[in-house]
Amino acid sequence: MTNRKWIVILLMTIALAISSGCVYRASISQGNLIKEEDLAQLEVGMTKNQVRFLLGTPMIDDPFNKQRWDYVYYLKLRRDDATFKRWVSVIFENDVVSEIRKDQELNPNL
């Protein structure tokens, strides 16, 4: 091989090594995005259908507790910790909202 080929191979190897360290991390959005104005409309006494229409299908559907719906959402930008987190639980009695738990704490390590 000539010196010119070795230089080209060396430059390509260096370029490949440098570019492999630059990995793009996409933003991750998980769960139900609940707008503040939708949450403000949620009231005790609403039916399950009304809640589903307003907030959507719950993120967590616990088969052992059909009387509780959990709406969980977090947004993680690139390598940073989650920048926006929300956890809302809706408790039903006889298929009617009896309690609304807003702004519960999510794991800070998300």
PDB file of N, CA and C in Angstrom:
ATOM      1  N   MET A   1       0.834  -1.183   0.000  1.00  0.00           N
ATOM      2  CA  MET A   1       0.000   0.000   0.000  1.00  0.00           C
ATOM      3  C   MET A   1       0.877   1.244   0.000  1.00  0.00           C
ATOM      4  N   THR A   2       0.335   2.241  -0.621  1.00  0.00           N
ATOM      5  CA  THR A   2       1.075   3.496  -0.676  1.00  0.00           C
ATOM      6  C   THR A   2       0.752   4.341   0.535  1.00  0.00           C
ATOM      7  N   ASN A   3       1.557   5.344   0.742  1.00  0.00           N
ATOM      8  CA  ASN A   3       1.334   6.253   1.858  1.00  0.00           C
ATOM      9  C   ASN A   3      -0.008   6.965   1.750  1.00  0.00           C
ATOM     10  N   ARG A   4      -0.416   7.249   0.524  1.00  0.00           N
ATOM     11  CA  ARG A   4      -1.685   7.951   0.316  1.00  0.00           C
ATOM     12  C   ARG A   4      -2.862   7.116   0.826  1.00  0.00           C
ATOM     13  N   LYS A   5      -2.861   5.806   0.573  1.00  0.00           N
ATOM     14  CA  LYS A   5      -3.929   4.927   1.043  1.00  0.00           C
ATOM     15  C   LYS A   5      -3.938   4.851   2.569  1.00  0.00           C
ATOM     16  N   TRP A   6      -2.758   4.797   3.187  1.00  0.00           N
ATOM     17  CA  TRP A   6      -2.671   4.747   4.646  1.00  0.00           C
ATOM     18  C   TRP A   6      -3.221   6.034   5.265  1.00  0.00           C
ATOM     19  N   ILE A   7      -2.932   7.141   4.642  1.00  0.00           N
ATOM     20  CA  ILE A   7      -3.442   8.426   5.163  1.00  0.00           C
ATOM     21  C   ILE A   7      -4.959   8.470   5.066  1.00  0.00           C
ATOM     22  N   VAL A   8      -5.510   8.020   3.962  1.00  0.00           N
ATOM     23  CA  VAL A   8      -6.973   7.988   3.788  1.00  0.00           C
ATOM     24  C   VAL A   8      -7.606   7.061   4.817  1.00  0.00           C
ATOM     25  N   ILE A   9      -7.035   5.886   5.017  1.00  0.00           N
ATOM     26  CA  ILE A   9      -7.566   4.940   6.011  1.00  0.00           C
ATOM     27  C   ILE A   9      -7.475   5.541   7.412  1.00  0.00           C
ATOM     28  N   LEU A  10      -6.374   6.172   7.729  1.00  0.00           N
ATOM     29  CA  LEU A  10      -6.206   6.788   9.040  1.00  0.00           C
ATOM     30  C   LEU A  10      -7.222   7.908   9.254  1.00  0.00           C
ATOM     31  N   LEU A  11      -7.404   8.754   8.269  1.00  0.00           N
ATOM     32  CA  LEU A  11      -8.377   9.844   8.377  1.00  0.00           C
ATOM     33  C   LEU A  11      -9.802   9.313   8.512  1.00  0.00           C
ATOM     34  N   MET A  12     -10.152   8.281   7.782  1.00  0.00           N
ATOM     35  CA  MET A  12     -11.483   7.685   7.889  1.00  0.00           C
ATOM     36  C   MET A  12     -11.694   7.068   9.264  1.00  0.00           C
ATOM     37  N   THR A  13     -10.675   6.425   9.809  1.00  0.00           N
ATOM     38  CA  THR A  13     -10.763   5.823  11.141  1.00  0.00           C
ATOM     39  C   THR A  13     -10.951   6.898  12.205  1.00  0.00           C
ATOM     40  N   ILE A  14     -10.218   7.986  12.095  1.00  0.00           N
ATOM     41  CA  ILE A  14     -10.349   9.094  13.057  1.00  0.00           C
ATOM     42  C   ILE A  14     -11.727   9.729  12.951  1.00  0.00           C
ATOM     43  N   ALA A  15     -12.205   9.949  11.741  1.00  0.00           N
ATOM     44  CA  ALA A  15     -13.533  10.532  11.543  1.00  0.00           C
ATOM     45  C   ALA A  15     -14.625   9.633  12.115  1.00  0.00           C
ATOM     46  N   LEU A  16     -14.499   8.337  11.916  1.00  0.00           N
ATOM     47  CA  LEU A  16     -15.472   7.384  12.449  1.00  0.00           C
ATOM     48  C   LEU A  16     -15.450   7.378  13.976  1.00  0.00           C
ATOM     49  N   ALA A  17     -14.269   7.410  14.568  1.00  0.00           N
ATOM     50  CA  ALA A  17     -14.144   7.412  16.034  1.00  0.00           C
ATOM     51  C   ALA A  17     -14.747   8.678  16.626  1.00  0.00           C
ATOM     52  N   ILE A  18     -14.527   9.810  15.992  1.00  0.00           N
ATOM     53  CA  ILE A  18     -15.061  11.075  16.508  1.00  0.00           C
ATOM     54  C   ILE A  18     -16.579  11.109  16.371  1.00  0.00           C
ATOM     55  N   SER A  19     -17.100  10.670  15.238  1.00  0.00           N
ATOM     56  CA  SER A  19     -18.550  10.746  15.012  1.00  0.00           C
ATOM     57  C   SER A  19     -19.325   9.735  15.841  1.00  0.00           C
ATOM     58  N   SER A  20     -18.720   8.649  16.258  1.00  0.00           N
ATOM     59  CA  SER A  20     -19.443   7.644  17.044  1.00  0.00           C
ATOM     60  C   SER A  20     -19.715   8.123  18.463  1.00  0.00           C
ATOM     61  N   GLY A  21     -18.986   9.101  18.951  1.00  0.00           N
ATOM     62  CA  GLY A  21     -19.211   9.637  20.291  1.00  0.00           C
ATOM     63  C   GLY A  21     -20.341  10.642  20.351  1.00  0.00           C
ATOM     64  N   CYS A  22     -20.830  11.084  19.223  1.00  0.00           N
ATOM     65  CA  CYS A  22     -21.899  12.078  19.153  1.00  0.00           C
ATOM     66  C   CYS A  22     -23.225  11.381  18.904  1.00  0.00           C
ATOM     67  N   VAL A  23     -23.827  10.873  19.957  1.00  0.00           N
ATOM     68  CA  VAL A  23     -25.078  10.140  19.830  1.00  0.00           C
ATOM     69  C   VAL A  23     -26.228  11.065  20.188  1.00  0.00           C
ATOM     70  N   TYR A  24     -27.213  11.138  19.313  1.00  0.00           N
ATOM     71  CA  TYR A  24     -28.387  11.970  19.549  1.00  0.00           C
ATOM     72  C   TYR A  24     -29.344  11.253  20.482  1.00  0.00           C
ATOM     73  N   ARG A  25     -29.797  11.950  21.489  1.00  0.00           N
ATOM     74  CA  ARG A  25     -30.800  11.407  22.413  1.00  0.00           C
ATOM     75  C   ARG A  25     -32.103  12.160  22.203  1.00  0.00           C
ATOM     76  N   ALA A  26     -33.129  11.479  21.769  1.00  0.00           N
ATOM     77  CA  ALA A  26     -34.425  12.103  21.517  1.00  0.00           C
ATOM     78  C   ALA A  26     -35.135  12.381  22.837  1.00  0.00           C
ATOM     79  N   SER A  27     -36.005  13.369  22.826  1.00  0.00           N
ATOM     80  CA  SER A  27     -36.848  13.641  23.987  1.00  0.00           C
ATOM     81  C   SER A  27     -37.848  12.508  24.134  1.00  0.00           C
ATOM     82  N   ILE A  28     -38.121  12.125  25.377  1.00  0.00           N
ATOM     83  CA  ILE A  28     -39.037  11.027  25.647  1.00  0.00           C
ATOM     84  C   ILE A  28     -40.247  11.571  26.381  1.00  0.00           C
ATOM     85  N   SER A  29     -41.403  11.303  25.821  1.00  0.00           N
ATOM     86  CA  SER A  29     -42.659  11.704  26.431  1.00  0.00           C
ATOM     87  C   SER A  29     -43.453  10.442  26.722  1.00  0.00           C
ATOM     88  N   GLN A  30     -43.788  10.208  27.968  1.00  0.00           N
ATOM     89  CA  GLN A  30     -44.500   9.001  28.369  1.00  0.00           C
ATOM     90  C   GLN A  30     -45.777   9.351  29.108  1.00  0.00           C
ATOM     91  N   GLY A  31     -46.853   8.650  28.783  1.00  0.00           N
ATOM     92  CA  GLY A  31     -48.084   8.783  29.549  1.00  0.00           C
ATOM     93  C   GLY A  31     -49.122   9.658  28.894  1.00  0.00           C
ATOM     94  N   ASN A  32     -50.057  10.122  29.739  1.00  0.00           N
ATOM     95  CA  ASN A  32     -51.165  10.961  29.308  1.00  0.00           C
ATOM     96  C   ASN A  32     -50.819  12.419  29.590  1.00  0.00           C
ATOM     97  N   LEU A  33     -50.725  13.227  28.536  1.00  0.00           N
ATOM     98  CA  LEU A  33     -50.515  14.659  28.732  1.00  0.00           C
ATOM     99  C   LEU A  33     -51.849  15.267  29.132  1.00  0.00           C
ATOM    100  N   ILE A  34     -51.929  15.748  30.359  1.00  0.00           N
ATOM    101  CA  ILE A  34     -53.165  16.321  30.885  1.00  0.00           C
ATOM    102  C   ILE A  34     -52.990  17.825  30.984  1.00  0.00           C
ATOM    103  N   LYS A  35     -53.823  18.544  30.260  1.00  0.00           N
ATOM    104  CA  LYS A  35     -53.779  20.006  30.301  1.00  0.00           C
ATOM    105  C   LYS A  35     -54.423  20.498  31.587  1.00  0.00           C
ATOM    106  N   GLU A  36     -53.923  21.623  32.063  1.00  0.00           N
ATOM    107  CA  GLU A  36     -54.436  22.198  33.312  1.00  0.00           C
ATOM    108  C   GLU A  36     -55.918  22.535  33.203  1.00  0.00           C
ATOM    109  N   GLU A  37     -56.336  23.027  32.032  1.00  0.00           N
ATOM    110  CA  GLU A  37     -57.753  23.387  31.866  1.00  0.00           C
ATOM    111  C   GLU A  37     -58.655  22.151  31.852  1.00  0.00           C
ATOM    112  N   ASP A  38     -58.155  21.009  31.358  1.00  0.00           N
ATOM    113  CA  ASP A  38     -58.933  19.766  31.418  1.00  0.00           C
ATOM    114  C   ASP A  38     -59.033  19.266  32.857  1.00  0.00           C
ATOM    115  N   LEU A  39     -57.937  19.363  33.577  1.00  0.00           N
ATOM    116  CA  LEU A  39     -57.925  18.926  34.970  1.00  0.00           C
ATOM    117  C   LEU A  39     -58.843  19.793  35.828  1.00  0.00           C
ATOM    118  N   ALA A  40     -58.939  21.073  35.491  1.00  0.00           N
ATOM    119  CA  ALA A  40     -59.820  21.984  36.243  1.00  0.00           C
ATOM    120  C   ALA A  40     -61.292  21.621  36.045  1.00  0.00           C
ATOM    121  N   GLN A  41     -61.627  20.983  34.928  1.00  0.00           N
ATOM    122  CA  GLN A  41     -63.019  20.593  34.663  1.00  0.00           C
ATOM    123  C   GLN A  41     -63.407  19.288  35.355  1.00  0.00           C
ATOM    124  N   LEU A  42     -62.412  18.536  35.827  1.00  0.00           N
ATOM    125  CA  LEU A  42     -62.677  17.268  36.499  1.00  0.00           C
ATOM    126  C   LEU A  42     -63.337  17.531  37.851  1.00  0.00           C
ATOM    127  N   GLU A  43     -64.477  16.877  38.090  1.00  0.00           N
ATOM    128  CA  GLU A  43     -65.240  17.119  39.322  1.00  0.00           C
ATOM    129  C   GLU A  43     -65.705  15.814  39.945  1.00  0.00           C
ATOM    130  N   VAL A  44     -65.894  15.861  41.239  1.00  0.00           N
ATOM    131  CA  VAL A  44     -66.503  14.737  41.952  1.00  0.00           C
ATOM    132  C   VAL A  44     -67.934  14.607  41.447  1.00  0.00           C
ATOM    133  N   GLY A  45     -68.367  13.377  41.191  1.00  0.00           N
ATOM    134  CA  GLY A  45     -69.716  13.118  40.702  1.00  0.00           C
ATOM    135  C   GLY A  45     -69.770  12.787  39.216  1.00  0.00           C
ATOM    136  N   MET A  46     -68.661  12.957  38.507  1.00  0.00           N
ATOM    137  CA  MET A  46     -68.629  12.620  37.081  1.00  0.00           C
ATOM    138  C   MET A  46     -68.608  11.106  36.901  1.00  0.00           C
ATOM    139  N   THR A  47     -69.124  10.635  35.774  1.00  0.00           N
ATOM    140  CA  THR A  47     -69.110   9.203  35.474  1.00  0.00           C
ATOM    141  C   THR A  47     -67.770   8.822  34.840  1.00  0.00           C
ATOM    142  N   LYS A  48     -67.516   7.527  34.738  1.00  0.00           N
ATOM    143  CA  LYS A  48     -66.282   7.041  34.114  1.00  0.00           C
ATOM    144  C   LYS A  48     -66.198   7.484  32.658  1.00  0.00           C
ATOM    145  N   ASN A  49     -67.324   7.452  31.963  1.00  0.00           N
ATOM    146  CA  ASN A  49     -67.326   7.886  30.562  1.00  0.00           C
ATOM    147  C   ASN A  49     -66.980   9.362  30.427  1.00  0.00           C
ATOM    148  N   GLN A  50     -67.476  10.186  31.336  1.00  0.00           N
ATOM    149  CA  GLN A  50     -67.169  11.612  31.295  1.00  0.00           C
ATOM    150  C   GLN A  50     -65.677  11.856  31.559  1.00  0.00           C
ATOM    151  N   VAL A  51     -65.111  11.115  32.501  1.00  0.00           N
ATOM    152  CA  VAL A  51     -63.682  11.247  32.813  1.00  0.00           C
ATOM    153  C   VAL A  51     -62.849  10.789  31.621  1.00  0.00           C
ATOM    154  N   ARG A  52     -63.222   9.667  31.013  1.00  0.00           N
ATOM    155  CA  ARG A  52     -62.485   9.162  29.855  1.00  0.00           C
ATOM    156  C   ARG A  52     -62.565  10.148  28.686  1.00  0.00           C
ATOM    157  N   PHE A  53     -63.717  10.787  28.482  1.00  0.00           N
ATOM    158  CA  PHE A  53     -63.861  11.785  27.424  1.00  0.00           C
ATOM    159  C   PHE A  53     -62.973  12.995  27.699  1.00  0.00           C
ATOM    160  N   LEU A  54     -62.895  13.404  28.949  1.00  0.00           N
ATOM    161  CA  LEU A  54     -62.143  14.604  29.324  1.00  0.00           C
ATOM    162  C   LEU A  54     -60.633  14.361  29.349  1.00  0.00           C
ATOM    163  N   LEU A  55     -60.185  13.265  29.977  1.00  0.00           N
ATOM    164  CA  LEU A  55     -58.759  13.016  30.186  1.00  0.00           C
ATOM    165  C   LEU A  55     -58.177  11.911  29.308  1.00  0.00           C
ATOM    166  N   GLY A  56     -59.022  11.136  28.670  1.00  0.00           N
ATOM    167  CA  GLY A  56     -58.543  10.019  27.859  1.00  0.00           C
ATOM    168  C   GLY A  56     -58.486   8.737  28.678  1.00  0.00           C
ATOM    169  N   THR A  57     -58.024   7.682  28.040  1.00  0.00           N
ATOM    170  CA  THR A  57     -57.883   6.390  28.708  1.00  0.00           C
ATOM    171  C   THR A  57     -56.718   6.464  29.684  1.00  0.00           C
ATOM    172  N   PRO A  58     -56.901   5.955  30.906  1.00  0.00           N
ATOM    173  CA  PRO A  58     -55.826   6.066  31.895  1.00  0.00           C
ATOM    174  C   PRO A  58     -54.578   5.286  31.493  1.00  0.00           C
ATOM    175  N   MET A  59     -53.436   5.802  31.911  1.00  0.00           N
ATOM    176  CA  MET A  59     -52.144   5.175  31.624  1.00  0.00           C
ATOM    177  C   MET A  59     -52.039   3.814  32.318  1.00  0.00           C
ATOM    178  N   ILE A  60     -52.500   3.753  33.553  1.00  0.00           N
ATOM    179  CA  ILE A  60     -52.400   2.532  34.343  1.00  0.00           C
ATOM    180  C   ILE A  60     -53.806   2.013  34.607  1.00  0.00           C
ATOM    181  N   ASP A  61     -54.062   0.792  34.172  1.00  0.00           N
ATOM    182  CA  ASP A  61     -55.350   0.147  34.388  1.00  0.00           C
ATOM    183  C   ASP A  61     -55.100  -1.048  35.286  1.00  0.00           C
ATOM    184  N   ASP A  62     -55.309  -0.854  36.568  1.00  0.00           N
ATOM    185  CA  ASP A  62     -55.030  -1.888  37.558  1.00  0.00           C
ATOM    186  C   ASP A  62     -56.150  -2.932  37.544  1.00  0.00           C
ATOM    187  N   PRO A  63     -55.864  -4.173  37.164  1.00  0.00           N
ATOM    188  CA  PRO A  63     -56.918  -5.187  37.118  1.00  0.00           C
ATOM    189  C   PRO A  63     -57.442  -5.574  38.501  1.00  0.00           C
ATOM    190  N   PHE A  64     -56.694  -5.247  39.558  1.00  0.00           N
ATOM    191  CA  PHE A  64     -57.115  -5.598  40.913  1.00  0.00           C
ATOM    192  C   PHE A  64     -57.900  -4.477  41.575  1.00  0.00           C
ATOM    193  N   ASN A  65     -57.884  -3.285  40.987  1.00  0.00           N
ATOM    194  CA  ASN A  65     -58.609  -2.153  41.559  1.00  0.00           C
ATOM    195  C   ASN A  65     -59.258  -1.369  40.431  1.00  0.00           C
ATOM    196  N   LYS A  66     -60.443  -1.787  40.020  1.00  0.00           N
ATOM    197  CA  LYS A  66     -61.160  -1.150  38.912  1.00  0.00           C
ATOM    198  C   LYS A  66     -61.734   0.208  39.303  1.00  0.00           C
ATOM    199  N   GLN A  67     -61.671   0.536  40.591  1.00  0.00           N
ATOM    200  CA  GLN A  67     -62.247   1.796  41.060  1.00  0.00           C
ATOM    201  C   GLN A  67     -61.208   2.920  41.137  1.00  0.00           C
ATOM    202  N   ARG A  68     -60.030   2.703  40.570  1.00  0.00           N
ATOM    203  CA  ARG A  68     -58.976   3.726  40.590  1.00  0.00           C
ATOM    204  C   ARG A  68     -58.325   3.811  39.217  1.00  0.00           C
ATOM    205  N   TRP A  69     -58.262   5.026  38.688  1.00  0.00           N
ATOM    206  CA  TRP A  69     -57.573   5.284  37.428  1.00  0.00           C
ATOM    207  C   TRP A  69     -56.408   6.217  37.707  1.00  0.00           C
ATOM    208  N   ASP A  70     -55.247   5.875  37.181  1.00  0.00           N
ATOM    209  CA  ASP A  70     -54.059   6.706  37.354  1.00  0.00           C
ATOM    210  C   ASP A  70     -53.621   7.264  36.009  1.00  0.00           C
ATOM    211  N   TYR A  71     -53.429   8.570  35.984  1.00  0.00           N
ATOM    212  CA  TYR A  71     -52.922   9.265  34.803  1.00  0.00           C
ATOM    213  C   TYR A  71     -51.521   9.759  35.138  1.00  0.00           C
ATOM    214  N   VAL A  72     -50.521   9.187  34.477  1.00  0.00           N
ATOM    215  CA  VAL A  72     -49.128   9.517  34.755  1.00  0.00           C
ATOM    216  C   VAL A  72     -48.518  10.083  33.479  1.00  0.00           C
ATOM    217  N   TYR A  73     -47.730  11.149  33.631  1.00  0.00           N
ATOM    218  CA  TYR A  73     -47.065  11.755  32.485  1.00  0.00           C
ATOM    219  C   TYR A  73     -45.721  12.308  32.913  1.00  0.00           C
ATOM    220  N   TYR A  74     -44.714  12.102  32.068  1.00  0.00           N
ATOM    221  CA  TYR A  74     -43.448  12.804  32.275  1.00  0.00           C
ATOM    222  C   TYR A  74     -42.779  13.048  30.939  1.00  0.00           C
ATOM    223  N   LEU A  75     -41.988  14.110  30.909  1.00  0.00           N
ATOM    224  CA  LEU A  75     -41.256  14.510  29.708  1.00  0.00           C
ATOM    225  C   LEU A  75     -39.792  14.575  30.071  1.00  0.00           C
ATOM    226  N   LYS A  76     -38.987  13.821  29.337  1.00  0.00           N
ATOM    227  CA  LYS A  76     -37.545  13.773  29.585  1.00  0.00           C
ATOM    228  C   LYS A  76     -36.839  14.287  28.340  1.00  0.00           C
ATOM    229  N   LEU A  77     -36.078  15.361  28.496  1.00  0.00           N
ATOM    230  CA  LEU A  77     -35.360  15.966  27.389  1.00  0.00           C
ATOM    231  C   LEU A  77     -33.925  15.476  27.367  1.00  0.00           C
ATOM    232  N   ARG A  78     -33.575  14.783  26.304  1.00  0.00           N
ATOM    233  CA  ARG A  78     -32.244  14.241  26.080  1.00  0.00           C
ATOM    234  C   ARG A  78     -31.724  13.496  27.308  1.00  0.00           C
ATOM    235  N   ARG A  79     -30.570  13.853  27.818  1.00  0.00           N
ATOM    236  CA  ARG A  79     -29.961  13.130  28.943  1.00  0.00           C
ATOM    237  C   ARG A  79     -30.344  13.705  30.302  1.00  0.00           C
ATOM    238  N   ASP A  80     -31.092  14.803  30.320  1.00  0.00           N
ATOM    239  CA  ASP A  80     -31.480  15.453  31.570  1.00  0.00           C
ATOM    240  C   ASP A  80     -32.561  14.647  32.276  1.00  0.00           C
ATOM    241  N   ASP A  81     -32.782  14.972  33.553  1.00  0.00           N
ATOM    242  CA  ASP A  81     -33.883  14.362  34.291  1.00  0.00           C
ATOM    243  C   ASP A  81     -35.203  14.855  33.712  1.00  0.00           C
ATOM    244  N   ALA A  82     -36.283  14.198  34.086  1.00  0.00           N
ATOM    245  CA  ALA A  82     -37.603  14.596  33.598  1.00  0.00           C
ATOM    246  C   ALA A  82     -37.874  16.046  33.985  1.00  0.00           C
ATOM    247  N   THR A  83     -38.297  16.837  33.002  1.00  0.00           N
ATOM    248  CA  THR A  83     -38.522  18.258  33.255  1.00  0.00           C
ATOM    249  C   THR A  83     -39.958  18.548  33.656  1.00  0.00           C
ATOM    250  N   PHE A  84     -40.880  17.707  33.248  1.00  0.00           N
ATOM    251  CA  PHE A  84     -42.287  17.910  33.579  1.00  0.00           C
ATOM    252  C   PHE A  84     -42.869  16.580  34.002  1.00  0.00           C
ATOM    253  N   LYS A  85     -43.447  16.545  35.203  1.00  0.00           N
ATOM    254  CA  LYS A  85     -44.021  15.308  35.724  1.00  0.00           C
ATOM    255  C   LYS A  85     -45.413  15.606  36.284  1.00  0.00           C
ATOM    256  N   ARG A  86     -46.316  14.674  36.089  1.00  0.00           N
ATOM    257  CA  ARG A  86     -47.648  14.827  36.671  1.00  0.00           C
ATOM    258  C   ARG A  86     -48.226  13.438  36.916  1.00  0.00           C
ATOM    259  N   TRP A  87     -48.874  13.296  38.060  1.00  0.00           N
ATOM    260  CA  TRP A  87     -49.547  12.055  38.408  1.00  0.00           C
ATOM    261  C   TRP A  87     -50.865  12.422  39.063  1.00  0.00           C
ATOM    262  N   VAL A  88     -51.956  12.002  38.428  1.00  0.00           N
ATOM    263  CA  VAL A  88     -53.296  12.275  38.929  1.00  0.00           C
ATOM    264  C   VAL A  88     -54.013  10.943  39.092  1.00  0.00           C
ATOM    265  N   SER A  89     -54.639  10.744  40.238  1.00  0.00           N
ATOM    266  CA  SER A  89     -55.434   9.535  40.476  1.00  0.00           C
ATOM    267  C   SER A  89     -56.893   9.931  40.643  1.00  0.00           C
ATOM    268  N   VAL A  90     -57.757   9.168  40.002  1.00  0.00           N
ATOM    269  CA  VAL A  90     -59.199   9.391  40.107  1.00  0.00           C
ATOM    270  C   VAL A  90     -59.792   8.148  40.751  1.00  0.00           C
ATOM    271  N   ILE A  91     -60.470   8.340  41.882  1.00  0.00           N
ATOM    272  CA  ILE A  91     -61.064   7.237  42.633  1.00  0.00           C
ATOM    273  C   ILE A  91     -62.572   7.260  42.401  1.00  0.00           C
ATOM    274  N   PHE A  92     -63.127   6.081  42.095  1.00  0.00           N
ATOM    275  CA  PHE A  92     -64.559   5.963  41.822  1.00  0.00           C
ATOM    276  C   PHE A  92     -65.252   5.162  42.920  1.00  0.00           C
ATOM    277  N   GLU A  93     -66.517   5.467  43.139  1.00  0.00           N
ATOM    278  CA  GLU A  93     -67.417   4.640  43.942  1.00  0.00           C
ATOM    279  C   GLU A  93     -68.694   4.505  43.140  1.00  0.00           C
ATOM    280  N   ASN A  94     -69.092   3.278  42.850  1.00  0.00           N
ATOM    281  CA  ASN A  94     -70.268   3.004  42.021  1.00  0.00           C
ATOM    282  C   ASN A  94     -70.166   3.697  40.666  1.00  0.00           C
ATOM    283  N   ASP A  95     -68.990   3.655  40.063  1.00  0.00           N
ATOM    284  CA  ASP A  95     -68.711   4.226  38.738  1.00  0.00           C
ATOM    285  C   ASP A  95     -68.906   5.741  38.659  1.00  0.00           C
ATOM    286  N   VAL A  96     -68.777   6.408  39.795  1.00  0.00           N
ATOM    287  CA  VAL A  96     -68.871   7.871  39.864  1.00  0.00           C
ATOM    288  C   VAL A  96     -67.650   8.373  40.639  1.00  0.00           C
ATOM    289  N   VAL A  97     -67.049   9.485  40.187  1.00  0.00           N
ATOM    290  CA  VAL A  97     -65.854  10.025  40.844  1.00  0.00           C
ATOM    291  C   VAL A  97     -66.179  10.407  42.284  1.00  0.00           C
ATOM    292  N   SER A  98     -65.387   9.865  43.216  1.00  0.00           N
ATOM    293  CA  SER A  98     -65.569  10.196  44.629  1.00  0.00           C
ATOM    294  C   SER A  98     -64.383  10.987  45.183  1.00  0.00           C
ATOM    295  N   GLU A  99     -63.209  10.857  44.532  1.00  0.00           N
ATOM    296  CA  GLU A  99     -62.013  11.556  45.014  1.00  0.00           C
ATOM    297  C   GLU A  99     -61.057  11.792  43.852  1.00  0.00           C
ATOM    298  N   ILE A 100     -60.385  12.948  43.884  1.00  0.00           N
ATOM    299  CA  ILE A 100     -59.389  13.299  42.870  1.00  0.00           C
ATOM    300  C   ILE A 100     -58.100  13.642  43.603  1.00  0.00           C
ATOM    301  N   ARG A 101     -57.037  12.916  43.303  1.00  0.00           N
ATOM    302  CA  ARG A 101     -55.721  13.178  43.908  1.00  0.00           C
ATOM    303  C   ARG A 101     -54.814  13.794  42.840  1.00  0.00           C
ATOM    304  N   LYS A 102     -54.495  15.068  43.010  1.00  0.00           N
ATOM    305  CA  LYS A 102     -53.689  15.785  42.015  1.00  0.00           C
ATOM    306  C   LYS A 102     -52.265  15.955  42.532  1.00  0.00           C
ATOM    307  N   ASP A 103     -51.356  16.183  41.600  1.00  0.00           N
ATOM    308  CA  ASP A 103     -49.968  16.547  41.884  1.00  0.00           C
ATOM    309  C   ASP A 103     -49.290  15.619  42.887  1.00  0.00           C
ATOM    310  N   GLN A 104     -49.427  14.339  42.682  1.00  0.00           N
ATOM    311  CA  GLN A 104     -48.720  13.369  43.513  1.00  0.00           C
ATOM    312  C   GLN A 104     -47.267  13.331  43.067  1.00  0.00           C
ATOM    313  N   GLU A 105     -46.379  12.936  43.947  1.00  0.00           N
ATOM    314  CA  GLU A 105     -44.955  12.912  43.648  1.00  0.00           C
ATOM    315  C   GLU A 105     -44.569  11.659  42.878  1.00  0.00           C
ATOM    316  N   LEU A 106     -43.863  11.870  41.775  1.00  0.00           N
ATOM    317  CA  LEU A 106     -43.287  10.760  41.028  1.00  0.00           C
ATOM    318  C   LEU A 106     -41.841  10.561  41.481  1.00  0.00           C
ATOM    319  N   ASN A 107     -41.285   9.432  41.142  1.00  0.00           N
ATOM    320  CA  ASN A 107     -39.901   9.132  41.463  1.00  0.00           C
ATOM    321  C   ASN A 107     -39.001  10.228  40.895  1.00  0.00           C
ATOM    322  N   PRO A 108     -38.170  10.880  41.698  1.00  0.00           N
ATOM    323  CA  PRO A 108     -37.328  11.962  41.191  1.00  0.00           C
ATOM    324  C   PRO A 108     -36.243  11.495  40.231  1.00  0.00           C
ATOM    325  N   ASN A 109     -35.984  10.194  40.156  1.00  0.00           N
ATOM    326  CA  ASN A 109     -34.939   9.677  39.273  1.00  0.00           C
ATOM    327  C   ASN A 109     -35.418   9.388  37.852  1.00  0.00           C
ATOM    328  N   LEU A 110     -36.632   9.775  37.513  1.00  0.00           N
ATOM    329  CA  LEU A 110     -37.128   9.546  36.145  1.00  0.00           C
ATOM    330  C   LEU A 110     -36.303  10.299  35.149  1.00  0.00           C
TER     331      LEU A 110
END
